[in-house]
Amino acid sequence: MTPAPLLPVVLCGGSGTRLWPLSRQALPKQFVPLVGDKSLLRLTFERILPLAAEALAVAAEEHRFLVQEAAEAAGLAVRQLLEPVPRNTAAAMAAAARSVPGETLLLFLPADHHVPERDAFADTVRRGIPAAQAGALVTFGVVPTFPSTAYGYIEQGAPDPAWDGAFAVRRFLEKPDEARARELLLQGGHFWNAGIFLTRADALVAALERHAPDILEAATEAVRDGSQDGLFTRLARAPFTRCRSQSIDYAVLEHHDRVAVVPFAGTWSDVGSWNAVAALAPADADGNRVVGQGHLRDCRDTYIHAPHRPVVALGTENLLIVDTPDALLVARAERVEEVRQVVEQLADASVTEATTHRRVPRPWGVFDSIDRGERFQVKRITVKPGARLSLQLHHHRAEHWVVVKGSARVTRGNDVFTLHENQSVYIPLGVRHRLENPGSEPLELIEVQSGLYLGEDDIVRFEDGYGRT
């Protein structure tokens, strides 16, 4: 019998507010370079390579080009299912299962976990294939190295000869307190729930039909009525929006009678807090960890993340310092779980830095808002070779462009012309315009905006190559 194909499915949702200010709603942690110069999403795609040459990603519409860039950097072919709204893992997995043939083996992976030993991980996944082929929903439990209170646990049951190395799951346990976590560690046979699953598509559909038929029905309709755009499949908005938002653990796994677990003894982190991020960096003799331009004197157990400018800590202990161009976090290590509440507080106060970065990626490149004030904003814009912005106009602002590197093809009204370094152009309010990079090197320019309103929603698009309206 020819074995069923293995298709990894990377779940790219999540806002990552616990890693503010580096991770924000507009650029969640899976897209931020956290390990060297690589994002967690790119590392996830690289981890897939020993198992498959292509994958499926379930992502938000606004993040689709970030997913595409990470896939290209990793050398993996990736198709995307685009969610019109976030609806948690059960809906995302149901949509993925409904979009492929029933015999397909689906490996579901969160986009924001760190597993440095990719060959060991691939071997563990392969050990779960017999159980998945036999119709079980297979989870992968991480062998705990300390009594963590941050993760749910999986209790191992008896082995099943038909599953060839996998064990039945006796039960799922909620995040324990410290005493209970120590007890579970001493007992053995309990694993951290990593949120990684392997199953045949038809087995997952059958389990959803049994335990969460409403989620399956909505996801099926969203796939059926979706639209295709190259490598992107847009799920239909109306049925997917109606879908109940619930994790696959609560919706299915805790109620299902054919769930297997395969232990994974390698290094794993869900990178769920700044303490977890700090642990990725090497420590000195005093427990200090530095990423970037951090400098310490007489410090202990202090973490500094400072990629942009020098940050000095003097006489600190048990402290985390995270510096970005537009926001700074200073927190005691035992308080980092409260970052999410701080972000909510900032959002309630209409602080834009709660959700958006100064530097904003776009499918054509990136812009960096380097200064702003009453009735003006200054941006540094970088356009990829061969890329172009939409043909657009603004009702409330005028723009002045100055080319500092490369060449720009400019459309202004009915005129089309080229600007070179040190040349500039004025775009009056209400005039249709477009910016293109016809060259083979990145185009860099300074944009000065002036007007009564300078928000990003003051854009009327007439033509766009990226499916935006």
Protein backbone atom coordinates (compact mmCIF):
# COMPACT_ATOMS: atom_id res chain seq x y z
CA MET A 1 0.00 0.00 0.00
CA THR A 2 1.32 3.44 -0.91
CA PRO A 3 1.65 5.53 2.26
CA ALA A 4 -0.54 8.61 2.49
CA PRO A 5 1.24 11.91 1.84
CA LEU A 6 2.28 13.97 4.85
CA LEU A 7 1.20 17.59 4.70
CA PRO A 8 2.42 19.90 7.51
CA VAL A 9 -0.11 22.59 8.42
CA VAL A 10 1.34 25.62 10.19
CA LEU A 11 -1.13 27.55 12.33
CA CYS A 12 -0.08 31.21 12.08
CA GLY A 13 -2.74 32.88 14.22
CA GLY A 14 -2.22 34.54 17.58
CA SER A 15 -1.44 38.10 18.60
CA GLY A 16 1.56 37.45 20.88
CA THR A 17 0.77 40.30 23.27
CA ARG A 18 2.79 38.65 26.07
CA LEU A 19 5.96 39.61 24.14
CA TRP A 20 5.08 43.28 23.80
CA PRO A 21 6.71 45.63 22.81
CA LEU A 22 8.56 43.44 20.29
CA SER A 23 5.43 41.50 19.35
CA ARG A 24 2.25 43.44 18.63
CA GLN A 25 -1.11 42.78 17.02
CA ALA A 26 0.05 44.10 13.63
CA LEU A 27 3.27 42.02 13.81
CA PRO A 28 2.87 39.04 16.18
CA LYS A 29 5.82 37.17 17.65
CA GLN A 30 5.91 34.45 14.98
CA PHE A 31 7.01 37.05 12.41
CA VAL A 32 9.60 38.84 14.58
CA PRO A 33 13.29 37.82 14.41
CA LEU A 34 13.74 36.31 17.88
CA VAL A 35 16.43 33.67 17.30
CA GLY A 36 19.40 35.30 15.62
CA ASP A 37 18.07 36.96 12.49
CA LYS A 38 15.31 34.38 11.97
CA SER A 39 11.65 34.49 12.94
CA LEU A 40 9.97 31.59 14.73
CA LEU A 41 7.81 31.05 11.64
CA ARG A 42 10.84 30.70 9.39
CA LEU A 43 12.39 28.25 11.86
CA THR A 44 9.13 26.28 11.88
CA PHE A 45 9.21 26.07 8.08
CA GLU A 46 12.85 24.92 8.22
CA ARG A 47 11.89 22.27 10.78
CA ILE A 48 9.42 20.88 8.25
CA LEU A 49 12.02 20.30 5.51
CA PRO A 50 13.14 16.82 6.67
CA LEU A 51 9.50 15.71 6.52
CA ALA A 52 7.98 17.37 3.44
CA ALA A 53 8.77 19.66 0.53
CA GLU A 54 5.53 21.61 0.78
CA ALA A 55 3.17 22.77 3.50
CA LEU A 56 -0.09 24.54 4.16
CA ALA A 57 -0.34 27.61 6.39
CA VAL A 58 -3.51 28.95 8.01
CA ALA A 59 -3.01 32.69 8.40
CA ALA A 60 -4.75 36.03 8.64
CA GLU A 61 -5.30 38.01 5.45
CA GLU A 62 -3.10 40.87 6.67
CA HIS A 63 -0.15 38.54 7.36
CA ARG A 64 -0.16 36.54 4.12
CA PHE A 65 2.91 38.20 2.59
CA LEU A 66 4.88 37.82 5.83
CA VAL A 67 4.11 34.09 5.68
CA GLN A 68 5.15 34.00 2.03
CA GLU A 69 8.46 35.74 2.76
CA ALA A 70 9.27 33.34 5.60
CA ALA A 71 8.49 30.34 3.36
CA GLU A 72 10.71 31.65 0.58
CA ALA A 73 13.55 32.31 3.03
CA ALA A 74 13.23 28.73 4.34
CA GLY A 75 13.08 27.20 0.86
CA LEU A 76 9.67 25.60 1.40
CA ALA A 77 6.66 25.67 -0.94
CA VAL A 78 3.69 26.91 1.09
CA ARG A 79 0.02 27.36 0.18
CA GLN A 80 -2.16 29.44 2.47
CA LEU A 81 -5.68 29.29 3.84
CA LEU A 82 -6.62 32.84 4.77
CA GLU A 83 -8.92 33.36 7.75
CA PRO A 84 -11.19 36.41 7.52
CA VAL A 85 -11.38 36.50 11.35
CA PRO A 86 -9.53 34.55 14.07
CA ARG A 87 -11.50 31.56 15.38
CA ASN A 88 -8.94 29.51 17.35
CA THR A 89 -7.41 26.15 16.47
CA ALA A 90 -10.50 23.95 16.07
CA ALA A 91 -11.87 26.04 13.20
CA ALA A 92 -8.45 26.43 11.56
CA MET A 93 -7.80 22.69 11.70
CA ALA A 94 -11.29 21.87 10.46
CA ALA A 95 -10.81 24.15 7.45
CA ALA A 96 -7.46 22.54 6.68
CA ALA A 97 -8.94 19.02 6.91
CA ARG A 98 -11.78 19.98 4.57
CA SER A 99 -9.38 21.41 1.97
CA VAL A 100 -7.42 18.18 1.28
CA PRO A 101 -8.20 14.55 0.37
CA GLY A 102 -9.37 12.47 3.34
CA GLU A 103 -6.39 10.12 3.37
CA THR A 104 -3.88 12.96 3.76
CA LEU A 105 -1.80 12.88 6.93
CA LEU A 106 -1.92 16.34 8.47
CA LEU A 107 0.81 17.49 10.87
CA PHE A 108 -0.46 20.57 12.72
CA LEU A 109 2.24 22.89 14.06
CA PRO A 110 2.01 26.22 15.87
CA ALA A 111 4.03 28.89 14.06
CA ASP A 112 5.56 30.38 17.21
CA HIS A 113 7.34 27.49 18.95
CA HIS A 114 11.09 26.92 19.10
CA VAL A 115 12.41 23.38 18.56
CA PRO A 116 16.13 23.60 17.69
CA GLU A 117 16.68 19.84 17.16
CA ARG A 118 14.80 19.44 13.91
CA ASP A 119 16.08 15.94 13.05
CA ALA A 120 15.05 14.61 16.47
CA PHE A 121 11.68 16.28 16.00
CA ALA A 122 11.26 14.68 12.55
CA ASP A 123 12.05 11.24 14.01
CA THR A 124 9.42 11.78 16.71
CA VAL A 125 6.81 12.72 14.11
CA ARG A 126 7.61 9.57 12.12
CA ARG A 127 7.01 7.48 15.25
CA GLY A 128 3.47 8.84 15.34
CA ILE A 129 2.60 7.89 11.77
CA PRO A 130 1.40 4.28 12.47
CA ALA A 131 -1.08 5.48 15.08
CA ALA A 132 -2.31 8.26 12.80
CA GLN A 133 -2.70 5.85 9.89
CA ALA A 134 -4.74 3.63 12.20
CA GLY A 135 -7.20 6.47 12.78
CA ALA A 136 -5.95 7.94 16.06
CA LEU A 137 -5.51 11.64 16.74
CA VAL A 138 -1.84 11.80 17.73
CA THR A 139 -0.40 14.41 20.10
CA PHE A 140 3.25 14.98 20.87
CA GLY A 141 4.06 15.40 24.54
CA VAL A 142 7.28 17.08 25.61
CA VAL A 143 9.17 15.26 28.35
CA PRO A 144 9.24 17.88 31.15
CA THR A 145 12.60 19.10 32.46
CA PHE A 146 11.22 21.12 35.39
CA PRO A 147 7.84 21.49 37.16
CA SER A 148 6.33 24.10 34.86
CA THR A 149 3.06 25.80 35.77
CA ALA A 150 2.83 27.46 32.34
CA TYR A 151 1.72 24.40 30.33
CA GLY A 152 -1.10 21.90 30.36
CA TYR A 153 -0.08 18.26 30.81
CA ILE A 154 -0.87 14.97 29.06
CA GLU A 155 -1.08 11.81 31.16
CA GLN A 156 0.22 8.75 29.36
CA GLY A 157 -1.87 5.59 29.30
CA ALA A 158 -1.08 2.08 28.08
CA PRO A 159 0.79 1.37 24.83
CA ASP A 160 -1.23 0.07 21.90
CA PRO A 161 0.52 -2.62 19.80
CA ALA A 162 -1.25 -1.34 16.67
CA TRP A 163 0.19 2.11 17.24
CA ASP A 164 3.83 0.95 17.25
CA GLY A 165 5.42 3.21 19.88
CA ALA A 166 2.54 5.54 20.68
CA PHE A 167 0.62 5.45 23.95
CA ALA A 168 -3.04 6.02 24.66
CA VAL A 169 -3.82 9.33 26.33
CA ARG A 170 -5.36 8.73 29.74
CA ARG A 171 -6.38 12.35 30.24
CA PHE A 172 -5.47 15.99 29.67
CA LEU A 173 -4.64 18.12 32.70
CA GLU A 174 -5.03 21.87 33.05
CA LYS A 175 -2.06 24.07 34.00
CA PRO A 176 -1.18 22.98 37.56
CA ASP A 177 0.03 24.99 40.52
CA GLU A 178 3.66 24.53 41.54
CA ALA A 179 3.01 21.76 44.06
CA ARG A 180 0.96 19.75 41.59
CA ALA A 181 3.55 20.31 38.84
CA ARG A 182 6.26 18.88 41.11
CA GLU A 183 4.05 15.91 41.85
CA LEU A 184 3.46 15.22 38.15
CA LEU A 185 7.18 15.43 37.45
CA LEU A 186 7.98 12.92 40.21
CA GLN A 187 5.24 10.54 39.08
CA GLY A 188 6.54 10.36 35.51
CA GLY A 189 4.35 9.53 32.55
CA HIS A 190 3.19 13.14 32.26
CA PHE A 191 4.19 15.40 29.39
CA TRP A 192 3.81 19.04 28.50
CA ASN A 193 1.07 19.56 25.95
CA ALA A 194 2.90 21.11 22.99
CA GLY A 195 -0.17 21.67 20.82
CA ILE A 196 1.30 19.61 17.95
CA PHE A 197 -0.96 17.03 16.31
CA LEU A 198 -0.79 14.36 13.60
CA THR A 199 -3.92 12.85 12.09
CA ARG A 200 -5.53 11.69 8.91
CA ALA A 201 -7.81 14.38 7.55
CA ASP A 202 -10.81 12.04 7.51
CA ALA A 203 -10.17 10.96 11.14
CA LEU A 204 -10.16 14.60 12.24
CA VAL A 205 -13.35 15.28 10.28
CA ALA A 206 -15.04 12.28 11.92
CA ALA A 207 -13.97 13.45 15.38
CA LEU A 208 -15.24 16.98 14.72
CA GLU A 209 -18.52 15.60 13.39
CA ARG A 210 -18.93 13.68 16.62
CA HIS A 211 -17.84 16.34 19.15
CA ALA A 212 -18.10 19.74 17.42
CA PRO A 213 -20.46 19.44 14.43
CA ASP A 214 -21.20 23.17 14.41
CA ILE A 215 -17.51 24.03 13.94
CA LEU A 216 -17.16 21.44 11.19
CA GLU A 217 -20.26 22.70 9.38
CA ALA A 218 -19.10 26.31 9.41
CA ALA A 219 -15.56 25.42 8.31
CA THR A 220 -16.85 23.17 5.54
CA GLU A 221 -19.04 25.96 4.20
CA ALA A 222 -16.17 28.45 4.44
CA VAL A 223 -13.93 26.18 2.36
CA ARG A 224 -16.66 25.37 -0.15
CA ASP A 225 -17.57 29.02 -0.74
CA GLY A 226 -14.01 30.34 -0.56
CA SER A 227 -12.09 31.89 -3.44
CA GLN A 228 -8.75 31.00 -4.99
CA ASP A 229 -6.01 33.57 -5.66
CA GLY A 230 -2.82 31.81 -6.73
CA LEU A 231 -1.29 30.22 -3.63
CA PHE A 232 -3.94 31.84 -1.42
CA THR A 233 -7.36 30.38 -0.62
CA ARG A 234 -9.62 32.91 1.05
CA LEU A 235 -12.17 31.26 3.33
CA ALA A 236 -15.68 32.64 2.94
CA ARG A 237 -16.25 35.35 5.54
CA ALA A 238 -19.89 34.80 6.53
CA PRO A 239 -19.75 31.10 7.54
CA PHE A 240 -16.30 31.36 9.11
CA THR A 241 -17.36 34.36 11.18
CA ARG A 242 -20.32 32.35 12.51
CA CYS A 243 -17.95 29.62 13.67
CA ARG A 244 -17.56 29.07 17.41
CA SER A 245 -14.10 30.04 18.66
CA GLN A 246 -12.58 27.18 20.63
CA SER A 247 -9.30 25.28 20.83
CA ILE A 248 -9.05 21.77 19.41
CA ASP A 249 -8.23 20.49 22.92
CA TYR A 250 -11.53 21.63 24.41
CA ALA A 251 -13.63 21.04 21.30
CA VAL A 252 -12.43 17.50 20.47
CA LEU A 253 -9.39 15.95 22.12
CA GLU A 254 -10.61 15.96 25.72
CA HIS A 255 -13.77 14.10 24.64
CA HIS A 256 -12.38 11.71 22.03
CA ASP A 257 -11.61 8.05 22.74
CA ARG A 258 -8.86 7.49 20.17
CA VAL A 259 -6.11 9.93 21.15
CA ALA A 260 -2.47 8.84 21.22
CA VAL A 261 0.64 10.52 22.59
CA VAL A 262 4.24 10.19 21.39
CA PRO A 263 6.86 11.52 23.82
CA PHE A 264 9.41 14.07 22.57
CA ALA A 265 12.59 14.29 24.66
CA GLY A 266 14.18 17.19 22.79
CA THR A 267 14.36 20.89 23.56
CA TRP A 268 11.05 22.73 23.15
CA SER A 269 9.66 26.12 24.08
CA ASP A 270 6.44 27.85 23.23
CA VAL A 271 8.29 31.17 23.66
CA GLY A 272 5.25 32.32 25.59
CA SER A 273 6.83 34.98 27.79
CA TRP A 274 9.88 37.20 28.03
CA ASN A 275 11.37 34.74 30.51
CA ALA A 276 11.14 32.06 27.79
CA VAL A 277 12.73 34.42 25.25
CA ALA A 278 15.52 35.25 27.68
CA ALA A 279 16.23 31.54 28.14
CA LEU A 280 17.10 31.29 24.42
CA ALA A 281 20.16 33.51 24.95
CA PRO A 282 23.36 32.23 26.64
CA ALA A 283 23.90 33.40 30.22
CA ASP A 284 27.11 34.70 31.76
CA ALA A 285 28.43 33.63 35.17
CA ASP A 286 25.98 35.98 36.93
CA GLY A 287 22.94 34.79 35.00
CA ASN A 288 22.82 37.86 32.75
CA ARG A 289 21.72 37.55 29.14
CA VAL A 290 22.16 40.18 26.44
CA VAL A 291 20.85 40.47 22.88
CA GLY A 292 22.15 43.43 20.89
CA GLN A 293 23.72 46.52 22.46
CA GLY A 294 23.16 45.79 26.14
CA HIS A 295 25.81 46.75 28.70
CA LEU A 296 25.79 45.62 32.34
CA ARG A 297 27.66 46.56 35.48
CA ASP A 298 27.23 44.74 38.79
CA CYS A 299 24.05 43.00 37.56
CA ARG A 300 22.58 39.58 38.25
CA ASP A 301 19.90 37.64 36.39
CA THR A 302 19.21 40.61 34.09
CA TYR A 303 18.09 40.28 30.47
CA ILE A 304 18.54 43.09 27.94
CA HIS A 305 17.10 43.06 24.42
CA ALA A 306 18.52 46.13 22.69
CA PRO A 307 19.06 45.70 18.93
CA HIS A 308 18.89 49.40 18.03
CA ARG A 309 20.89 51.46 20.56
CA PRO A 310 23.05 51.09 23.68
CA VAL A 311 21.08 50.20 26.83
CA VAL A 312 22.91 50.22 30.17
CA ALA A 313 21.86 48.39 33.34
CA LEU A 314 23.61 49.26 36.60
CA GLY A 315 23.21 47.21 39.76
CA THR A 316 20.03 45.48 38.62
CA GLU A 317 18.79 42.04 39.62
CA ASN A 318 16.06 39.77 38.27
CA LEU A 319 15.09 42.35 35.65
CA LEU A 320 14.06 42.26 31.97
CA ILE A 321 14.67 45.26 29.72
CA VAL A 322 13.25 45.22 26.19
CA ASP A 323 14.00 48.23 24.01
CA THR A 324 12.40 49.04 20.64
CA PRO A 325 12.47 52.25 18.57
CA ASP A 326 9.13 53.45 19.97
CA ALA A 327 8.49 51.63 23.27
CA LEU A 328 10.43 50.33 26.28
CA LEU A 329 9.54 47.56 28.73
CA VAL A 330 11.22 47.24 32.13
CA ALA A 331 9.85 44.43 34.30
CA ARG A 332 10.81 42.15 37.15
CA ALA A 333 11.12 38.58 35.89
CA GLU A 334 8.32 37.27 38.12
CA ARG A 335 5.86 39.87 36.75
CA VAL A 336 6.22 39.25 33.00
CA GLU A 337 2.95 37.30 32.79
CA GLU A 338 1.19 40.64 33.42
CA VAL A 339 2.43 42.15 30.14
CA ARG A 340 -0.81 41.17 28.41
CA GLN A 341 -2.82 43.22 30.92
CA VAL A 342 -0.48 46.17 30.38
CA VAL A 343 -1.09 46.01 26.63
CA GLU A 344 -4.86 46.02 27.23
CA GLN A 345 -4.43 49.06 29.46
CA LEU A 346 -2.45 50.88 26.75
CA ALA A 347 -5.02 49.98 24.10
CA ASP A 348 -7.85 51.28 26.29
CA ALA A 349 -5.90 54.55 26.56
CA SER A 350 -5.66 54.70 22.71
CA VAL A 351 -1.86 54.37 22.75
CA THR A 352 -1.09 53.31 19.16
CA GLU A 353 2.15 51.59 20.22
CA ALA A 354 0.02 48.97 21.99
CA THR A 355 -0.83 47.34 18.67
CA THR A 356 1.38 48.76 15.89
CA HIS A 357 5.09 49.19 15.35
CA ARG A 358 6.84 52.24 14.02
CA ARG A 359 8.28 50.01 11.30
CA VAL A 360 5.47 48.40 9.29
CA PRO A 361 6.00 45.65 6.66
CA ARG A 362 4.01 45.79 3.45
CA PRO A 363 3.86 43.32 0.52
CA TRP A 364 5.92 45.77 -1.56
CA GLY A 365 8.50 46.52 1.16
CA VAL A 366 8.40 48.45 4.45
CA PHE A 367 7.86 51.90 5.88
CA ASP A 368 9.28 53.38 9.07
CA SER A 369 7.51 56.35 10.71
CA ILE A 370 10.59 58.20 11.93
CA ASP A 371 8.88 61.41 13.13
CA ARG A 372 5.41 62.84 13.57
CA GLY A 373 3.71 65.88 15.01
CA GLU A 374 0.68 68.10 14.55
CA ARG A 375 -0.31 67.99 10.84
CA PHE A 376 2.87 66.20 9.67
CA GLN A 377 4.53 62.78 9.54
CA VAL A 378 7.90 61.67 8.15
CA LYS A 379 8.43 58.12 6.85
CA ARG A 380 11.37 56.23 5.45
CA ILE A 381 10.04 53.98 2.68
CA THR A 382 11.84 50.97 1.16
CA VAL A 383 10.42 49.35 -1.98
CA LYS A 384 11.60 45.91 -3.09
CA PRO A 385 13.13 45.54 -6.58
CA GLY A 386 10.36 45.23 -9.16
CA ALA A 387 7.62 46.03 -6.64
CA ARG A 388 5.08 48.83 -6.78
CA LEU A 389 2.52 50.39 -4.50
CA SER A 390 -1.15 50.61 -5.44
CA LEU A 391 -2.54 53.37 -7.63
CA GLN A 392 -4.17 55.50 -4.96
CA LEU A 393 -5.14 58.91 -3.64
CA HIS A 394 -5.63 60.55 -0.26
CA HIS A 395 -8.48 62.82 0.76
CA HIS A 396 -6.77 64.41 3.77
CA ARG A 397 -3.03 64.61 3.11
CA ALA A 398 -0.42 65.69 0.59
CA GLU A 399 2.98 63.98 0.20
CA HIS A 400 6.49 64.98 -0.77
CA TRP A 401 8.92 62.22 -1.85
CA VAL A 402 12.72 62.52 -1.85
CA VAL A 403 14.72 59.64 -3.36
CA VAL A 404 17.82 58.78 -1.32
CA LYS A 405 18.81 55.50 -2.98
CA GLY A 406 17.87 53.83 -6.27
CA SER A 407 15.40 55.01 -8.89
CA ALA A 408 11.65 55.54 -8.63
CA ARG A 409 9.02 55.45 -11.35
CA VAL A 410 6.29 57.87 -10.31
CA THR A 411 2.74 58.19 -11.54
CA ARG A 412 1.18 61.54 -10.66
CA GLY A 413 -2.17 62.20 -12.30
CA ASN A 414 -1.64 61.62 -16.03
CA ASP A 415 2.16 61.99 -15.84
CA VAL A 416 4.63 59.10 -15.50
CA PHE A 417 8.32 59.91 -14.92
CA THR A 418 11.49 58.63 -13.23
CA LEU A 419 13.26 60.10 -10.22
CA HIS A 420 16.88 59.39 -9.30
CA GLU A 421 18.86 59.95 -6.10
CA ASN A 422 18.50 63.45 -4.60
CA GLN A 423 15.46 64.23 -6.76
CA SER A 424 11.98 64.86 -5.36
CA VAL A 425 8.30 65.21 -6.28
CA TYR A 426 5.21 66.75 -4.66
CA ILE A 427 1.92 64.79 -4.62
CA PRO A 428 -0.99 67.19 -3.96
CA LEU A 429 -4.01 66.14 -1.90
CA GLY A 430 -6.61 64.30 -3.99
CA VAL A 431 -4.29 63.41 -6.91
CA ARG A 432 -3.96 59.80 -8.08
CA HIS A 433 -0.42 58.54 -7.70
CA ARG A 434 1.74 55.43 -7.66
CA LEU A 435 5.32 54.58 -6.69
CA GLU A 436 7.32 51.80 -8.39
CA ASN A 437 10.84 50.42 -8.17
CA PRO A 438 11.94 49.50 -11.71
CA GLY A 439 15.49 48.65 -10.63
CA SER A 440 17.29 45.57 -9.32
CA GLU A 441 18.21 47.15 -5.95
CA PRO A 442 15.93 48.35 -3.13
CA LEU A 443 14.49 51.84 -3.56
CA GLU A 444 14.73 54.08 -0.49
CA LEU A 445 13.03 57.44 -0.11
CA ILE A 446 11.85 59.89 2.51
CA GLU A 447 8.15 60.76 2.51
CA VAL A 448 6.89 63.90 4.24
CA GLN A 449 3.11 63.91 4.79
CA SER A 450 1.15 67.02 5.67
CA GLY A 451 -2.56 67.44 6.33
CA LEU A 452 -5.40 67.36 8.81
CA TYR A 453 -5.48 63.53 9.07
CA LEU A 454 -2.54 61.18 8.50
CA GLY A 455 -4.01 57.75 9.29
CA GLU A 456 -3.27 54.68 7.16
CA ASP A 457 -6.96 54.29 6.37
CA ASP A 458 -6.91 57.48 4.26
CA ILE A 459 -6.13 55.47 1.12
CA VAL A 460 -8.45 55.03 -1.86
CA ARG A 461 -7.04 52.27 -4.08
CA PHE A 462 -7.84 52.07 -7.80
CA GLU A 463 -5.38 49.32 -8.81
CA ASP A 464 -3.47 46.95 -6.58
CA GLY A 465 -1.35 43.87 -7.26
CA TYR A 466 -1.78 42.39 -3.81
CA GLY A 467 -5.52 41.77 -3.51
CA ARG A 468 -6.15 44.72 -1.19
CA THR A 469 -9.22 46.95 -1.42
